[in-house]
Amino acid sequence: MHFGILNSTKKEKRIFQDHSFNLYIYPNPSTGIFNIEGMDAKAKVSIFNAFGTEVSSQNLLLPDRVDLTGQPNGVYLIKIQTNDKTWFEKVIKN
């Protein structure tokens, strides 16, 4: 399992940096639509609310987007799993 460090500023995309590529999840915060870019891969994308309950799980071909417009405002954790790595990213729906 691979955990990374996020680097961001207010006006930039939130970027997860890995030695082999950059994973972008933006905009963050958002009204519910989050774009995932930076890799071309099949991935399982799971989303958890602040209580740890899984609210969505999808198999996606990245780049793609996830839609949280049907969920209440708050903090969510996006888990992205490929065949060999797993990433976690905090996103805010407002």
N, C-alpha and C. Protein backbone atom coordinates (compact mmCIF):
# COMPACT_ATOMS: atom_id res chain seq x y z
N MET A 1 0.84 -1.16 0.00
CA MET A 1 0.00 0.00 0.00
C MET A 1 0.89 1.24 0.00
N HIS A 2 0.50 2.26 -0.75
CA HIS A 2 1.32 3.46 -0.90
C HIS A 2 0.54 4.66 -0.39
N PHE A 3 1.13 5.43 0.49
CA PHE A 3 0.52 6.65 0.99
C PHE A 3 1.39 7.80 0.56
N GLY A 4 0.78 8.91 0.16
CA GLY A 4 1.56 10.04 -0.32
C GLY A 4 1.27 11.30 0.44
N ILE A 5 1.96 12.35 0.06
CA ILE A 5 1.83 13.66 0.70
C ILE A 5 1.20 14.61 -0.30
N LEU A 6 0.27 15.42 0.16
CA LEU A 6 -0.39 16.38 -0.70
C LEU A 6 0.27 17.74 -0.57
N ASN A 7 0.44 18.41 -1.70
CA ASN A 7 0.96 19.77 -1.71
C ASN A 7 -0.07 20.63 -2.41
N SER A 8 -0.46 21.76 -1.82
CA SER A 8 -1.45 22.60 -2.47
C SER A 8 -1.32 24.05 -2.03
N THR A 9 -1.88 24.92 -2.84
CA THR A 9 -2.10 26.30 -2.46
C THR A 9 -3.54 26.61 -2.81
N LYS A 10 -4.07 27.73 -2.37
CA LYS A 10 -5.47 28.05 -2.59
C LYS A 10 -5.85 28.06 -4.06
N LYS A 11 -5.01 28.60 -4.93
CA LYS A 11 -5.38 28.78 -6.33
C LYS A 11 -4.93 27.63 -7.23
N GLU A 12 -4.21 26.67 -6.72
CA GLU A 12 -3.74 25.56 -7.53
C GLU A 12 -4.62 24.34 -7.32
N LYS A 13 -4.52 23.41 -8.26
CA LYS A 13 -5.16 22.12 -8.08
C LYS A 13 -4.49 21.43 -6.90
N ARG A 14 -5.25 20.65 -6.16
CA ARG A 14 -4.64 19.84 -5.11
C ARG A 14 -3.93 18.69 -5.82
N ILE A 15 -2.68 18.53 -5.57
CA ILE A 15 -1.88 17.56 -6.32
C ILE A 15 -1.32 16.52 -5.37
N PHE A 16 -1.57 15.27 -5.70
CA PHE A 16 -0.92 14.17 -5.01
C PHE A 16 0.34 13.89 -5.82
N GLN A 17 1.50 13.95 -5.20
CA GLN A 17 2.73 13.75 -5.96
C GLN A 17 3.32 12.38 -5.67
N ASP A 18 3.58 11.65 -6.73
CA ASP A 18 4.21 10.35 -6.68
C ASP A 18 5.46 10.46 -7.55
N HIS A 19 6.43 9.65 -7.33
CA HIS A 19 7.67 9.74 -8.11
C HIS A 19 7.44 9.46 -9.60
N SER A 20 6.44 8.67 -9.95
CA SER A 20 6.25 8.29 -11.34
C SER A 20 5.26 9.18 -12.09
N PHE A 21 4.38 9.88 -11.38
CA PHE A 21 3.40 10.75 -12.04
C PHE A 21 2.72 11.62 -10.99
N ASN A 22 1.92 12.58 -11.44
CA ASN A 22 1.11 13.41 -10.54
C ASN A 22 -0.34 13.01 -10.68
N LEU A 23 -1.01 12.83 -9.58
CA LEU A 23 -2.43 12.52 -9.56
C LEU A 23 -3.16 13.78 -9.14
N TYR A 24 -4.07 14.25 -10.00
CA TYR A 24 -4.80 15.49 -9.74
C TYR A 24 -6.26 15.16 -9.40
N ILE A 25 -6.75 15.72 -8.30
CA ILE A 25 -8.17 15.64 -7.97
C ILE A 25 -8.62 17.08 -7.75
N TYR A 26 -9.50 17.55 -8.60
CA TYR A 26 -9.90 18.95 -8.58
C TYR A 26 -11.29 19.12 -9.14
N PRO A 27 -12.00 20.23 -8.91
CA PRO A 27 -11.63 21.25 -7.94
C PRO A 27 -11.84 20.72 -6.52
N ASN A 28 -11.15 21.28 -5.60
CA ASN A 28 -11.27 20.86 -4.21
C ASN A 28 -11.03 22.08 -3.33
N PRO A 29 -12.06 22.63 -2.70
CA PRO A 29 -13.41 22.09 -2.56
C PRO A 29 -14.23 22.22 -3.84
N SER A 30 -15.38 21.52 -3.84
CA SER A 30 -16.25 21.46 -5.00
C SER A 30 -17.70 21.40 -4.55
N THR A 31 -18.60 21.66 -5.49
CA THR A 31 -20.02 21.49 -5.20
C THR A 31 -20.46 20.05 -5.39
N GLY A 32 -19.54 19.17 -5.79
CA GLY A 32 -19.88 17.75 -5.88
C GLY A 32 -19.21 16.98 -7.00
N ILE A 33 -18.75 17.63 -8.05
CA ILE A 33 -18.09 16.95 -9.16
C ILE A 33 -16.58 17.10 -8.98
N PHE A 34 -15.88 15.97 -8.89
CA PHE A 34 -14.42 15.98 -8.73
C PHE A 34 -13.80 15.25 -9.91
N ASN A 35 -12.86 15.90 -10.58
CA ASN A 35 -12.12 15.30 -11.69
C ASN A 35 -10.89 14.59 -11.13
N ILE A 36 -10.60 13.42 -11.68
CA ILE A 36 -9.39 12.67 -11.32
C ILE A 36 -8.57 12.52 -12.59
N GLU A 37 -7.37 13.09 -12.58
CA GLU A 37 -6.50 13.05 -13.75
C GLU A 37 -5.08 12.73 -13.33
N GLY A 38 -4.25 12.44 -14.31
CA GLY A 38 -2.83 12.22 -14.06
C GLY A 38 -2.38 10.80 -14.30
N MET A 39 -3.32 9.91 -14.60
CA MET A 39 -2.95 8.55 -14.92
C MET A 39 -3.96 7.98 -15.90
N ASP A 40 -3.49 7.05 -16.70
CA ASP A 40 -4.36 6.30 -17.60
C ASP A 40 -4.35 4.87 -17.09
N ALA A 41 -5.39 4.53 -16.32
CA ALA A 41 -5.42 3.21 -15.70
C ALA A 41 -6.82 2.86 -15.26
N LYS A 42 -7.07 1.57 -15.16
CA LYS A 42 -8.30 1.10 -14.53
C LYS A 42 -8.10 1.20 -13.03
N ALA A 43 -9.11 1.71 -12.33
CA ALA A 43 -8.98 1.88 -10.89
C ALA A 43 -10.33 1.68 -10.22
N LYS A 44 -10.29 1.15 -9.01
CA LYS A 44 -11.48 1.12 -8.16
C LYS A 44 -11.43 2.38 -7.32
N VAL A 45 -12.49 3.17 -7.40
CA VAL A 45 -12.56 4.43 -6.66
C VAL A 45 -13.69 4.30 -5.64
N SER A 46 -13.30 4.36 -4.37
CA SER A 46 -14.27 4.28 -3.28
C SER A 46 -14.27 5.61 -2.54
N ILE A 47 -15.46 6.02 -2.10
CA ILE A 47 -15.60 7.29 -1.39
C ILE A 47 -16.24 7.02 -0.04
N PHE A 48 -15.63 7.60 1.00
CA PHE A 48 -16.09 7.41 2.37
C PHE A 48 -16.45 8.76 2.98
N ASN A 49 -17.53 8.79 3.78
CA ASN A 49 -17.89 10.03 4.47
C ASN A 49 -17.04 10.18 5.73
N ALA A 50 -17.29 11.23 6.48
CA ALA A 50 -16.47 11.53 7.67
C ALA A 50 -16.65 10.48 8.77
N PHE A 51 -17.70 9.68 8.70
CA PHE A 51 -17.93 8.63 9.69
C PHE A 51 -17.30 7.30 9.28
N GLY A 52 -16.68 7.27 8.08
CA GLY A 52 -16.05 6.05 7.60
C GLY A 52 -16.96 5.14 6.81
N THR A 53 -18.17 5.59 6.54
CA THR A 53 -19.13 4.80 5.77
C THR A 53 -18.87 4.99 4.28
N GLU A 54 -18.77 3.89 3.56
CA GLU A 54 -18.58 3.96 2.11
C GLU A 54 -19.88 4.44 1.47
N VAL A 55 -19.80 5.56 0.74
CA VAL A 55 -20.99 6.12 0.10
C VAL A 55 -21.01 5.87 -1.41
N SER A 56 -19.88 5.44 -1.96
CA SER A 56 -19.80 5.16 -3.39
C SER A 56 -18.60 4.28 -3.66
N SER A 57 -18.75 3.38 -4.62
CA SER A 57 -17.64 2.56 -5.09
C SER A 57 -17.86 2.28 -6.57
N GLN A 58 -16.86 2.62 -7.38
CA GLN A 58 -16.97 2.47 -8.83
C GLN A 58 -15.67 1.97 -9.41
N ASN A 59 -15.77 1.20 -10.47
CA ASN A 59 -14.60 0.86 -11.27
C ASN A 59 -14.56 1.85 -12.42
N LEU A 60 -13.48 2.62 -12.50
CA LEU A 60 -13.36 3.67 -13.50
C LEU A 60 -12.13 3.46 -14.36
N LEU A 61 -12.19 4.00 -15.56
CA LEU A 61 -11.03 4.08 -16.42
C LEU A 61 -10.56 5.53 -16.36
N LEU A 62 -9.48 5.76 -15.63
CA LEU A 62 -9.00 7.13 -15.42
C LEU A 62 -8.26 7.64 -16.64
N PRO A 63 -8.35 8.94 -16.94
CA PRO A 63 -8.99 10.00 -16.18
C PRO A 63 -10.52 9.92 -16.27
N ASP A 64 -11.18 10.37 -15.20
CA ASP A 64 -12.64 10.36 -15.12
C ASP A 64 -13.06 11.33 -14.03
N ARG A 65 -14.31 11.27 -13.64
CA ARG A 65 -14.81 12.14 -12.58
C ARG A 65 -15.71 11.34 -11.66
N VAL A 66 -15.83 11.82 -10.43
CA VAL A 66 -16.77 11.24 -9.48
C VAL A 66 -17.77 12.33 -9.10
N ASP A 67 -18.99 11.88 -8.81
CA ASP A 67 -20.10 12.79 -8.55
C ASP A 67 -20.62 12.58 -7.14
N LEU A 68 -20.46 13.61 -6.30
CA LEU A 68 -20.99 13.57 -4.94
C LEU A 68 -22.15 14.55 -4.76
N THR A 69 -22.78 14.98 -5.85
CA THR A 69 -23.85 15.97 -5.73
C THR A 69 -25.03 15.45 -4.92
N GLY A 70 -25.23 14.15 -4.85
CA GLY A 70 -26.32 13.58 -4.07
C GLY A 70 -25.99 13.38 -2.60
N GLN A 71 -24.78 13.73 -2.20
CA GLN A 71 -24.34 13.57 -0.82
C GLN A 71 -24.39 14.91 -0.09
N PRO A 72 -24.55 14.87 1.24
CA PRO A 72 -24.53 16.13 2.00
C PRO A 72 -23.15 16.79 1.97
N ASN A 73 -23.12 18.08 2.20
CA ASN A 73 -21.84 18.81 2.29
C ASN A 73 -21.01 18.23 3.41
N GLY A 74 -19.69 18.22 3.22
CA GLY A 74 -18.80 17.73 4.25
C GLY A 74 -17.48 17.27 3.69
N VAL A 75 -16.72 16.57 4.52
CA VAL A 75 -15.40 16.06 4.16
C VAL A 75 -15.54 14.59 3.78
N TYR A 76 -14.91 14.21 2.69
CA TYR A 76 -14.94 12.84 2.20
C TYR A 76 -13.52 12.36 1.93
N LEU A 77 -13.33 11.07 1.97
CA LEU A 77 -12.04 10.45 1.66
C LEU A 77 -12.23 9.65 0.38
N ILE A 78 -11.41 9.94 -0.62
CA ILE A 78 -11.42 9.18 -1.87
C ILE A 78 -10.26 8.20 -1.83
N LYS A 79 -10.57 6.93 -2.05
CA LYS A 79 -9.57 5.87 -2.10
C LYS A 79 -9.49 5.40 -3.55
N ILE A 80 -8.30 5.46 -4.13
CA ILE A 80 -8.08 5.06 -5.52
C ILE A 80 -7.14 3.86 -5.51
N GLN A 81 -7.62 2.73 -6.04
CA GLN A 81 -6.83 1.50 -6.06
C GLN A 81 -6.59 1.06 -7.50
N THR A 82 -5.31 0.89 -7.85
CA THR A 82 -4.95 0.25 -9.11
C THR A 82 -4.41 -1.13 -8.77
N ASN A 83 -3.90 -1.84 -9.75
CA ASN A 83 -3.39 -3.18 -9.50
C ASN A 83 -2.24 -3.21 -8.50
N ASP A 84 -1.43 -2.13 -8.48
CA ASP A 84 -0.23 -2.18 -7.63
C ASP A 84 -0.12 -1.08 -6.59
N LYS A 85 -1.04 -0.11 -6.57
CA LYS A 85 -0.93 0.98 -5.61
C LYS A 85 -2.30 1.40 -5.10
N THR A 86 -2.29 2.05 -3.93
CA THR A 86 -3.50 2.62 -3.34
C THR A 86 -3.19 4.03 -2.86
N TRP A 87 -4.07 4.99 -3.20
CA TRP A 87 -3.92 6.37 -2.78
C TRP A 87 -5.16 6.79 -2.02
N PHE A 88 -4.99 7.73 -1.09
CA PHE A 88 -6.10 8.33 -0.36
C PHE A 88 -6.00 9.84 -0.51
N GLU A 89 -7.14 10.49 -0.69
CA GLU A 89 -7.19 11.94 -0.81
C GLU A 89 -8.44 12.47 -0.12
N LYS A 90 -8.28 13.51 0.65
CA LYS A 90 -9.41 14.17 1.31
C LYS A 90 -9.97 15.21 0.35
N VAL A 91 -11.30 15.21 0.20
CA VAL A 91 -11.98 16.22 -0.61
C VAL A 91 -13.11 16.84 0.21
N ILE A 92 -13.48 18.04 -0.16
CA ILE A 92 -14.52 18.76 0.55
C ILE A 92 -15.63 19.12 -0.43
N LYS A 93 -16.84 18.70 -0.08
CA LYS A 93 -18.03 19.09 -0.85
C LYS A 93 -18.72 20.21 -0.10
N ASN A 94 -18.95 21.33 -0.81
CA ASN A 94 -19.63 22.44 -0.14
C ASN A 94 -20.77 22.98 -0.98
